[in-house]
Amino acid sequence: MTTETQDDIKLSNAQIAWRAAQDIEDGAYVNLGIGFPEMVARYQPPGKQAIFHTENGILDFGEPPAEGKEDWDLINAGKKAVTLKPGAAFFHHADSFAMVRGGHLDVAILGAYQVAQNGDLANWRVGSKGVPAVGGAMDLVHGAKQVFVITEHVTKDGKPKLVEACTFPLTGVGCITRIYTSHAVIDIVKGRFVLREKLPGLSLEALQAMTGAPLHIDGPVADLIAPDL
């Protein structure tokens, strides 16, 4: 499959975020990583509502305020303005990380530079480029009961982001449970990538060619379908 065809057959970031949101249970306590993962909050399924946690000390924040209506004392960990839902709580930064480290989060959803087949995650530095330190992500990946990744399947220059072993500095070891990409939904089971869903217009052979480690089949592979967003 050519690069042009791969680019034509893929989900947008919004569609990837939508797909991940469908798997969050009603009432789950969820932390969303800064940037792309924050989009997941927009696509809560009808009848389900997660309780969102942010490291700087808010539980159960809501939608972003309308432009010009921001209260800049109410921000998430990415310094974006948020609103509060009835019953929302504020707490100290240390208490926030006690929640994370104490195993009180059901799900953390993060971006990735690389994910290895054994569940290792690299998402903070690429060679000499990246943020100054790994930050709270290292606590989230080992404190949350499940850790999801949302990401493009390949880099901008077509290299696999799902690999046999990470070559970038690690955020966490053996921590990822499920990956939602622009082309597939993949679980990590016993150190292997197990394919659960793929785009209906993409062959298994083409998907494997875009993936840097073997894809295993364990039961039916569903079509990955998302609405136009």
C-alpha atoms as a PDB file:
ATOM      1  CA  MET A   1       0.000   0.000   0.000  1.00  0.00           C
ATOM      2  CA  THR A   2       1.355   3.430  -0.892  1.00  0.00           C
ATOM      3  CA  THR A   3       1.760   6.259   1.599  1.00  0.00           C
ATOM      4  CA  GLU A   4      -0.886   8.218  -0.284  1.00  0.00           C
ATOM      5  CA  THR A   5      -3.427   5.418   0.179  1.00  0.00           C
ATOM      6  CA  GLN A   6      -2.535   5.036   3.851  1.00  0.00           C
ATOM      7  CA  ASP A   7      -3.141   8.735   4.374  1.00  0.00           C
ATOM      8  CA  ASP A   8      -6.466   8.535   2.566  1.00  0.00           C
ATOM      9  CA  ILE A   9      -7.698   5.615   4.706  1.00  0.00           C
ATOM     10  CA  LYS A  10      -7.376   6.698   8.307  1.00  0.00           C
ATOM     11  CA  LEU A  11      -9.282   8.258  11.194  1.00  0.00           C
ATOM     12  CA  SER A  12      -8.872  11.903  12.137  1.00  0.00           C
ATOM     13  CA  ASN A  13      -7.714  12.835  15.626  1.00  0.00           C
ATOM     14  CA  ALA A  14     -11.308  13.640  16.551  1.00  0.00           C
ATOM     15  CA  GLN A  15     -12.448  10.201  15.406  1.00  0.00           C
ATOM     16  CA  ILE A  16      -9.675   8.475  17.353  1.00  0.00           C
ATOM     17  CA  ALA A  17     -10.707  10.427  20.464  1.00  0.00           C
ATOM     18  CA  TRP A  18     -14.357   9.514  19.835  1.00  0.00           C
ATOM     19  CA  ARG A  19     -13.521   5.814  19.590  1.00  0.00           C
ATOM     20  CA  ALA A  20     -11.564   5.844  22.846  1.00  0.00           C
ATOM     21  CA  ALA A  21     -14.406   7.659  24.624  1.00  0.00           C
ATOM     22  CA  GLN A  22     -16.823   4.843  23.786  1.00  0.00           C
ATOM     23  CA  ASP A  23     -14.933   2.434  26.044  1.00  0.00           C
ATOM     24  CA  ILE A  24     -15.015   4.593  29.191  1.00  0.00           C
ATOM     25  CA  GLU A  25     -17.509   3.242  31.700  1.00  0.00           C
ATOM     26  CA  ASP A  26     -20.181   5.462  33.215  1.00  0.00           C
ATOM     27  CA  GLY A  27     -18.879   7.020  36.415  1.00  0.00           C
ATOM     28  CA  ALA A  28     -15.250   6.092  35.757  1.00  0.00           C
ATOM     29  CA  TYR A  29     -12.551   8.327  37.202  1.00  0.00           C
ATOM     30  CA  VAL A  30     -10.416   9.376  34.253  1.00  0.00           C
ATOM     31  CA  ASN A  31      -7.284  11.448  33.714  1.00  0.00           C
ATOM     32  CA  LEU A  32      -6.642  12.808  30.218  1.00  0.00           C
ATOM     33  CA  GLY A  33      -3.131  13.676  29.099  1.00  0.00           C
ATOM     34  CA  ILE A  34      -2.272  17.176  27.923  1.00  0.00           C
ATOM     35  CA  GLY A  35      -3.034  17.960  24.278  1.00  0.00           C
ATOM     36  CA  PHE A  36      -4.611  15.387  21.970  1.00  0.00           C
ATOM     37  CA  PRO A  37      -6.034  13.163  24.787  1.00  0.00           C
ATOM     38  CA  GLU A  38      -8.047  16.113  26.131  1.00  0.00           C
ATOM     39  CA  MET A  39     -10.295  15.716  23.072  1.00  0.00           C
ATOM     40  CA  VAL A  40     -11.751  12.515  24.554  1.00  0.00           C
ATOM     41  CA  ALA A  41     -13.835  14.587  26.979  1.00  0.00           C
ATOM     42  CA  ARG A  42     -15.858  15.990  24.046  1.00  0.00           C
ATOM     43  CA  TYR A  43     -17.231  12.622  23.001  1.00  0.00           C
ATOM     44  CA  GLN A  44     -18.817  11.025  26.053  1.00  0.00           C
ATOM     45  CA  PRO A  45     -21.464   8.533  24.876  1.00  0.00           C
ATOM     46  CA  PRO A  46     -25.136   9.243  25.686  1.00  0.00           C
ATOM     47  CA  GLY A  47     -25.988   7.852  29.098  1.00  0.00           C
ATOM     48  CA  LYS A  48     -22.349   7.675  30.163  1.00  0.00           C
ATOM     49  CA  GLN A  49     -20.350  10.355  31.905  1.00  0.00           C
ATOM     50  CA  ALA A  50     -16.803  10.050  33.174  1.00  0.00           C
ATOM     51  CA  ILE A  51     -15.565  12.005  36.187  1.00  0.00           C
ATOM     52  CA  PHE A  52     -12.471  13.790  34.959  1.00  0.00           C
ATOM     53  CA  HIS A  53      -9.432  14.325  37.191  1.00  0.00           C
ATOM     54  CA  THR A  54      -6.604  16.765  36.589  1.00  0.00           C
ATOM     55  CA  GLU A  55      -3.232  16.654  38.334  1.00  0.00           C
ATOM     56  CA  ASN A  56      -3.345  20.254  39.477  1.00  0.00           C
ATOM     57  CA  GLY A  57      -6.284  19.473  41.745  1.00  0.00           C
ATOM     58  CA  ILE A  58      -9.799  19.366  40.248  1.00  0.00           C
ATOM     59  CA  LEU A  59     -12.208  16.455  40.154  1.00  0.00           C
ATOM     60  CA  ASP A  60     -15.287  16.513  37.881  1.00  0.00           C
ATOM     61  CA  PHE A  61     -14.550  19.491  35.658  1.00  0.00           C
ATOM     62  CA  GLY A  62     -16.718  20.144  32.622  1.00  0.00           C
ATOM     63  CA  GLU A  63     -16.634  21.586  29.127  1.00  0.00           C
ATOM     64  CA  PRO A  64     -14.359  24.500  28.183  1.00  0.00           C
ATOM     65  CA  PRO A  65     -16.066  27.860  28.702  1.00  0.00           C
ATOM     66  CA  ALA A  66     -17.140  30.002  25.781  1.00  0.00           C
ATOM     67  CA  GLU A  67     -14.441  32.275  24.390  1.00  0.00           C
ATOM     68  CA  GLY A  68     -14.257  35.419  26.507  1.00  0.00           C
ATOM     69  CA  LYS A  69     -15.958  33.725  29.465  1.00  0.00           C
ATOM     70  CA  GLU A  70     -12.866  32.025  30.851  1.00  0.00           C
ATOM     71  CA  ASP A  71     -12.053  32.168  34.545  1.00  0.00           C
ATOM     72  CA  TRP A  72      -8.279  31.732  34.523  1.00  0.00           C
ATOM     73  CA  ASP A  73      -8.320  30.575  38.128  1.00  0.00           C
ATOM     74  CA  LEU A  74     -10.068  27.454  36.790  1.00  0.00           C
ATOM     75  CA  ILE A  75      -7.611  25.581  34.568  1.00  0.00           C
ATOM     76  CA  ASN A  76      -6.577  22.002  33.942  1.00  0.00           C
ATOM     77  CA  ALA A  77      -3.044  20.610  33.997  1.00  0.00           C
ATOM     78  CA  GLY A  78      -2.542  21.819  30.427  1.00  0.00           C
ATOM     79  CA  LYS A  79      -3.361  25.395  31.517  1.00  0.00           C
ATOM     80  CA  LYS A  80      -6.623  25.375  29.553  1.00  0.00           C
ATOM     81  CA  ALA A  81      -9.728  26.987  31.030  1.00  0.00           C
ATOM     82  CA  VAL A  82     -12.423  24.593  32.275  1.00  0.00           C
ATOM     83  CA  THR A  83     -15.850  24.782  33.866  1.00  0.00           C
ATOM     84  CA  LEU A  84     -17.045  22.930  36.943  1.00  0.00           C
ATOM     85  CA  LYS A  85     -19.863  20.428  37.301  1.00  0.00           C
ATOM     86  CA  PRO A  86     -22.130  20.324  40.366  1.00  0.00           C
ATOM     87  CA  GLY A  87     -20.224  18.591  43.143  1.00  0.00           C
ATOM     88  CA  ALA A  88     -16.785  19.290  41.681  1.00  0.00           C
ATOM     89  CA  ALA A  89     -13.944  19.300  44.181  1.00  0.00           C
ATOM     90  CA  PHE A  90     -10.651  21.162  44.591  1.00  0.00           C
ATOM     91  CA  PHE A  91      -7.661  19.707  46.400  1.00  0.00           C
ATOM     92  CA  HIS A  92      -3.948  20.163  46.931  1.00  0.00           C
ATOM     93  CA  HIS A  93      -1.519  19.051  44.240  1.00  0.00           C
ATOM     94  CA  ALA A  94      -0.056  16.487  46.655  1.00  0.00           C
ATOM     95  CA  ASP A  95      -3.513  15.045  47.344  1.00  0.00           C
ATOM     96  CA  SER A  96      -4.098  14.815  43.593  1.00  0.00           C
ATOM     97  CA  PHE A  97      -1.019  12.649  43.187  1.00  0.00           C
ATOM     98  CA  ALA A  98      -2.000  10.588  46.216  1.00  0.00           C
ATOM     99  CA  MET A  99      -5.175   9.738  44.281  1.00  0.00           C
ATOM    100  CA  VAL A 100      -3.080   8.743  41.275  1.00  0.00           C
ATOM    101  CA  ARG A 101      -0.484   6.739  43.195  1.00  0.00           C
ATOM    102  CA  GLY A 102      -3.124   5.166  45.401  1.00  0.00           C
ATOM    103  CA  GLY A 103      -4.801   3.440  42.456  1.00  0.00           C
ATOM    104  CA  HIS A 104      -7.985   5.526  42.573  1.00  0.00           C
ATOM    105  CA  LEU A 105      -8.109   6.344  38.854  1.00  0.00           C
ATOM    106  CA  ASP A 106      -9.895   3.870  36.592  1.00  0.00           C
ATOM    107  CA  VAL A 107      -8.337   5.073  33.348  1.00  0.00           C
ATOM    108  CA  ALA A 108      -5.555   7.337  32.120  1.00  0.00           C
ATOM    109  CA  ILE A 109      -5.487   8.268  28.431  1.00  0.00           C
ATOM    110  CA  LEU A 110      -2.182   9.506  27.013  1.00  0.00           C
ATOM    111  CA  GLY A 111      -0.459  10.250  23.746  1.00  0.00           C
ATOM    112  CA  ALA A 112       2.625   8.391  22.562  1.00  0.00           C
ATOM    113  CA  TYR A 113       5.800   8.636  20.535  1.00  0.00           C
ATOM    114  CA  GLN A 114       6.241   4.856  20.754  1.00  0.00           C
ATOM    115  CA  VAL A 115       4.468   1.894  22.335  1.00  0.00           C
ATOM    116  CA  ALA A 116       6.282  -1.437  22.579  1.00  0.00           C
ATOM    117  CA  GLN A 117       4.589  -4.803  22.241  1.00  0.00           C
ATOM    118  CA  ASN A 118       5.200  -5.506  25.938  1.00  0.00           C
ATOM    119  CA  GLY A 119       3.320  -2.325  26.940  1.00  0.00           C
ATOM    120  CA  ASP A 120       6.275   0.025  27.442  1.00  0.00           C
ATOM    121  CA  LEU A 121       5.452   3.672  26.699  1.00  0.00           C
ATOM    122  CA  ALA A 122       7.685   6.486  25.446  1.00  0.00           C
ATOM    123  CA  ASN A 123       5.855   9.802  25.275  1.00  0.00           C
ATOM    124  CA  TRP A 124       8.007  12.613  26.628  1.00  0.00           C
ATOM    125  CA  ARG A 125      11.262  12.899  24.688  1.00  0.00           C
ATOM    126  CA  VAL A 126      12.486  12.149  21.168  1.00  0.00           C
ATOM    127  CA  GLY A 127      16.268  12.220  21.170  1.00  0.00           C
ATOM    128  CA  SER A 128      17.254  15.737  22.229  1.00  0.00           C
ATOM    129  CA  LYS A 129      13.722  17.107  21.686  1.00  0.00           C
ATOM    130  CA  GLY A 130      11.026  17.057  24.337  1.00  0.00           C
ATOM    131  CA  VAL A 131       9.834  18.560  27.570  1.00  0.00           C
ATOM    132  CA  PRO A 132      12.435  18.958  30.355  1.00  0.00           C
ATOM    133  CA  ALA A 133      11.252  15.960  32.403  1.00  0.00           C
ATOM    134  CA  VAL A 134       8.793  13.083  32.265  1.00  0.00           C
ATOM    135  CA  GLY A 135       6.456  14.813  34.743  1.00  0.00           C
ATOM    136  CA  GLY A 136       3.282  13.297  36.180  1.00  0.00           C
ATOM    137  CA  ALA A 137       2.858  10.813  33.329  1.00  0.00           C
ATOM    138  CA  MET A 138       5.204   8.371  35.088  1.00  0.00           C
ATOM    139  CA  ASP A 139       2.787   8.327  38.046  1.00  0.00           C
ATOM    140  CA  LEU A 140      -0.308   8.068  35.860  1.00  0.00           C
ATOM    141  CA  VAL A 141       0.901   5.087  33.845  1.00  0.00           C
ATOM    142  CA  HIS A 142       1.476   2.993  36.960  1.00  0.00           C
ATOM    143  CA  GLY A 143      -1.258   4.408  39.183  1.00  0.00           C
ATOM    144  CA  ALA A 144      -4.296   4.082  36.908  1.00  0.00           C
ATOM    145  CA  LYS A 145      -6.030   0.713  36.655  1.00  0.00           C
ATOM    146  CA  GLN A 146      -5.994   0.917  32.851  1.00  0.00           C
ATOM    147  CA  VAL A 147      -3.844   3.050  30.574  1.00  0.00           C
ATOM    148  CA  PHE A 148      -5.008   3.775  27.033  1.00  0.00           C
ATOM    149  CA  VAL A 149      -2.961   5.411  24.284  1.00  0.00           C
ATOM    150  CA  ILE A 150      -4.423   7.450  21.424  1.00  0.00           C
ATOM    151  CA  THR A 151      -2.068   8.111  18.534  1.00  0.00           C
ATOM    152  CA  GLU A 152      -1.420   8.106  14.818  1.00  0.00           C
ATOM    153  CA  HIS A 153      -0.358   4.640  13.702  1.00  0.00           C
ATOM    154  CA  VAL A 154       2.843   5.951  12.100  1.00  0.00           C
ATOM    155  CA  THR A 155       5.016   9.045  12.390  1.00  0.00           C
ATOM    156  CA  LYS A 156       4.884  11.929   9.907  1.00  0.00           C
ATOM    157  CA  ASP A 157       7.643  10.264   7.906  1.00  0.00           C
ATOM    158  CA  GLY A 158       5.873   6.900   7.897  1.00  0.00           C
ATOM    159  CA  LYS A 159       7.819   5.064  10.615  1.00  0.00           C
ATOM    160  CA  PRO A 160       5.910   2.730  12.976  1.00  0.00           C
ATOM    161  CA  LYS A 161       4.935   4.069  16.390  1.00  0.00           C
ATOM    162  CA  LEU A 162       4.022   0.553  17.535  1.00  0.00           C
ATOM    163  CA  VAL A 163       7.332  -1.252  17.862  1.00  0.00           C
ATOM    164  CA  GLU A 164       9.079  -4.325  19.223  1.00  0.00           C
ATOM    165  CA  ALA A 165      11.025  -2.210  21.731  1.00  0.00           C
ATOM    166  CA  CYS A 166      11.023   1.536  22.388  1.00  0.00           C
ATOM    167  CA  THR A 167      14.108   3.441  21.324  1.00  0.00           C
ATOM    168  CA  PHE A 168      13.108   6.702  23.039  1.00  0.00           C
ATOM    169  CA  PRO A 169      13.350   7.312  26.808  1.00  0.00           C
ATOM    170  CA  LEU A 170      10.574   5.455  28.625  1.00  0.00           C
ATOM    171  CA  THR A 171       7.676   6.977  30.503  1.00  0.00           C
ATOM    172  CA  GLY A 172       6.669   3.629  31.978  1.00  0.00           C
ATOM    173  CA  VAL A 173       7.384  -0.090  31.714  1.00  0.00           C
ATOM    174  CA  GLY A 174       4.707  -2.624  30.797  1.00  0.00           C
ATOM    175  CA  CYS A 175       1.948  -0.133  31.523  1.00  0.00           C
ATOM    176  CA  ILE A 176      -0.242   0.189  28.403  1.00  0.00           C
ATOM    177  CA  THR A 177      -3.368  -1.940  28.086  1.00  0.00           C
ATOM    178  CA  ARG A 178      -5.028  -0.674  24.890  1.00  0.00           C
ATOM    179  CA  ILE A 179      -4.040   1.481  21.894  1.00  0.00           C
ATOM    180  CA  TYR A 180      -6.405   3.462  19.670  1.00  0.00           C
ATOM    181  CA  THR A 181      -4.726   4.523  16.454  1.00  0.00           C
ATOM    182  CA  SER A 182      -5.710   6.163  13.190  1.00  0.00           C
ATOM    183  CA  HIS A 183      -6.019   2.672  11.717  1.00  0.00           C
ATOM    184  CA  ALA A 184      -6.765   0.133  14.442  1.00  0.00           C
ATOM    185  CA  VAL A 185      -7.650  -0.754  18.016  1.00  0.00           C
ATOM    186  CA  ILE A 186      -5.035  -3.004  19.579  1.00  0.00           C
ATOM    187  CA  ASP A 187      -4.778  -4.614  23.002  1.00  0.00           C
ATOM    188  CA  ILE A 188      -1.552  -5.601  24.681  1.00  0.00           C
ATOM    189  CA  VAL A 189      -1.900  -9.135  25.996  1.00  0.00           C
ATOM    190  CA  LYS A 190       0.998 -11.147  27.454  1.00  0.00           C
ATOM    191  CA  GLY A 191       3.625  -9.062  25.690  1.00  0.00           C
ATOM    192  CA  ARG A 192       1.940  -9.101  22.273  1.00  0.00           C
ATOM    193  CA  PHE A 193      -0.072  -6.718  20.098  1.00  0.00           C
ATOM    194  CA  VAL A 194      -3.527  -8.299  19.699  1.00  0.00           C
ATOM    195  CA  LEU A 195      -5.661  -6.749  16.956  1.00  0.00           C
ATOM    196  CA  ARG A 196      -9.278  -6.042  17.943  1.00  0.00           C
ATOM    197  CA  GLU A 197     -10.482  -3.633  15.231  1.00  0.00           C
ATOM    198  CA  LYS A 198      -9.151  -2.265  11.950  1.00  0.00           C
ATOM    199  CA  LEU A 199     -10.422   0.084   9.284  1.00  0.00           C
ATOM    200  CA  PRO A 200     -12.612  -1.902   6.893  1.00  0.00           C
ATOM    201  CA  GLY A 201     -10.802  -0.504   3.834  1.00  0.00           C
ATOM    202  CA  LEU A 202      -7.381  -1.610   5.073  1.00  0.00           C
ATOM    203  CA  SER A 203      -6.062  -5.141   4.607  1.00  0.00           C
ATOM    204  CA  LEU A 204      -4.390  -6.988   7.435  1.00  0.00           C
ATOM    205  CA  GLU A 205      -1.215  -7.168   5.339  1.00  0.00           C
ATOM    206  CA  ALA A 206      -1.143  -3.394   4.866  1.00  0.00           C
ATOM    207  CA  LEU A 207      -1.744  -2.791   8.559  1.00  0.00           C
ATOM    208  CA  GLN A 208       1.049  -5.188   9.474  1.00  0.00           C
ATOM    209  CA  ALA A 209       3.404  -3.362   7.120  1.00  0.00           C
ATOM    210  CA  MET A 210       2.727  -0.165   9.093  1.00  0.00           C
ATOM    211  CA  THR A 211       3.378  -1.849  12.437  1.00  0.00           C
ATOM    212  CA  GLY A 212       6.846  -2.454  13.856  1.00  0.00           C
ATOM    213  CA  ALA A 213       6.006  -5.720  15.641  1.00  0.00           C
ATOM    214  CA  PRO A 214       3.777  -8.723  14.843  1.00  0.00           C
ATOM    215  CA  LEU A 215       0.016  -8.276  15.081  1.00  0.00           C
ATOM    216  CA  HIS A 216      -1.723 -11.293  16.587  1.00  0.00           C
ATOM    217  CA  ILE A 217      -5.304 -12.376  16.003  1.00  0.00           C
ATOM    218  CA  ASP A 218      -7.274 -13.761  18.940  1.00  0.00           C
ATOM    219  CA  GLY A 219     -10.892 -14.011  17.863  1.00  0.00           C
ATOM    220  CA  PRO A 220     -12.881 -11.901  15.388  1.00  0.00           C
ATOM    221  CA  VAL A 221     -11.448  -8.579  14.206  1.00  0.00           C
ATOM    222  CA  ALA A 222     -14.225  -5.970  14.088  1.00  0.00           C
ATOM    223  CA  ASP A 223     -14.483  -3.061  11.679  1.00  0.00           C
ATOM    224  CA  LEU A 224     -13.202   0.221  13.119  1.00  0.00           C
ATOM    225  CA  ILE A 225     -15.923   2.708  12.257  1.00  0.00           C
ATOM    226  CA  ALA A 226     -16.327   6.254  13.582  1.00  0.00           C
ATOM    227  CA  PRO A 227     -18.794   9.006  12.681  1.00  0.00           C
ATOM    228  CA  ASP A 228     -17.793  12.017  10.604  1.00  0.00           C
ATOM    229  CA  LEU A 229     -16.615  14.644  13.094  1.00  0.00           C
END
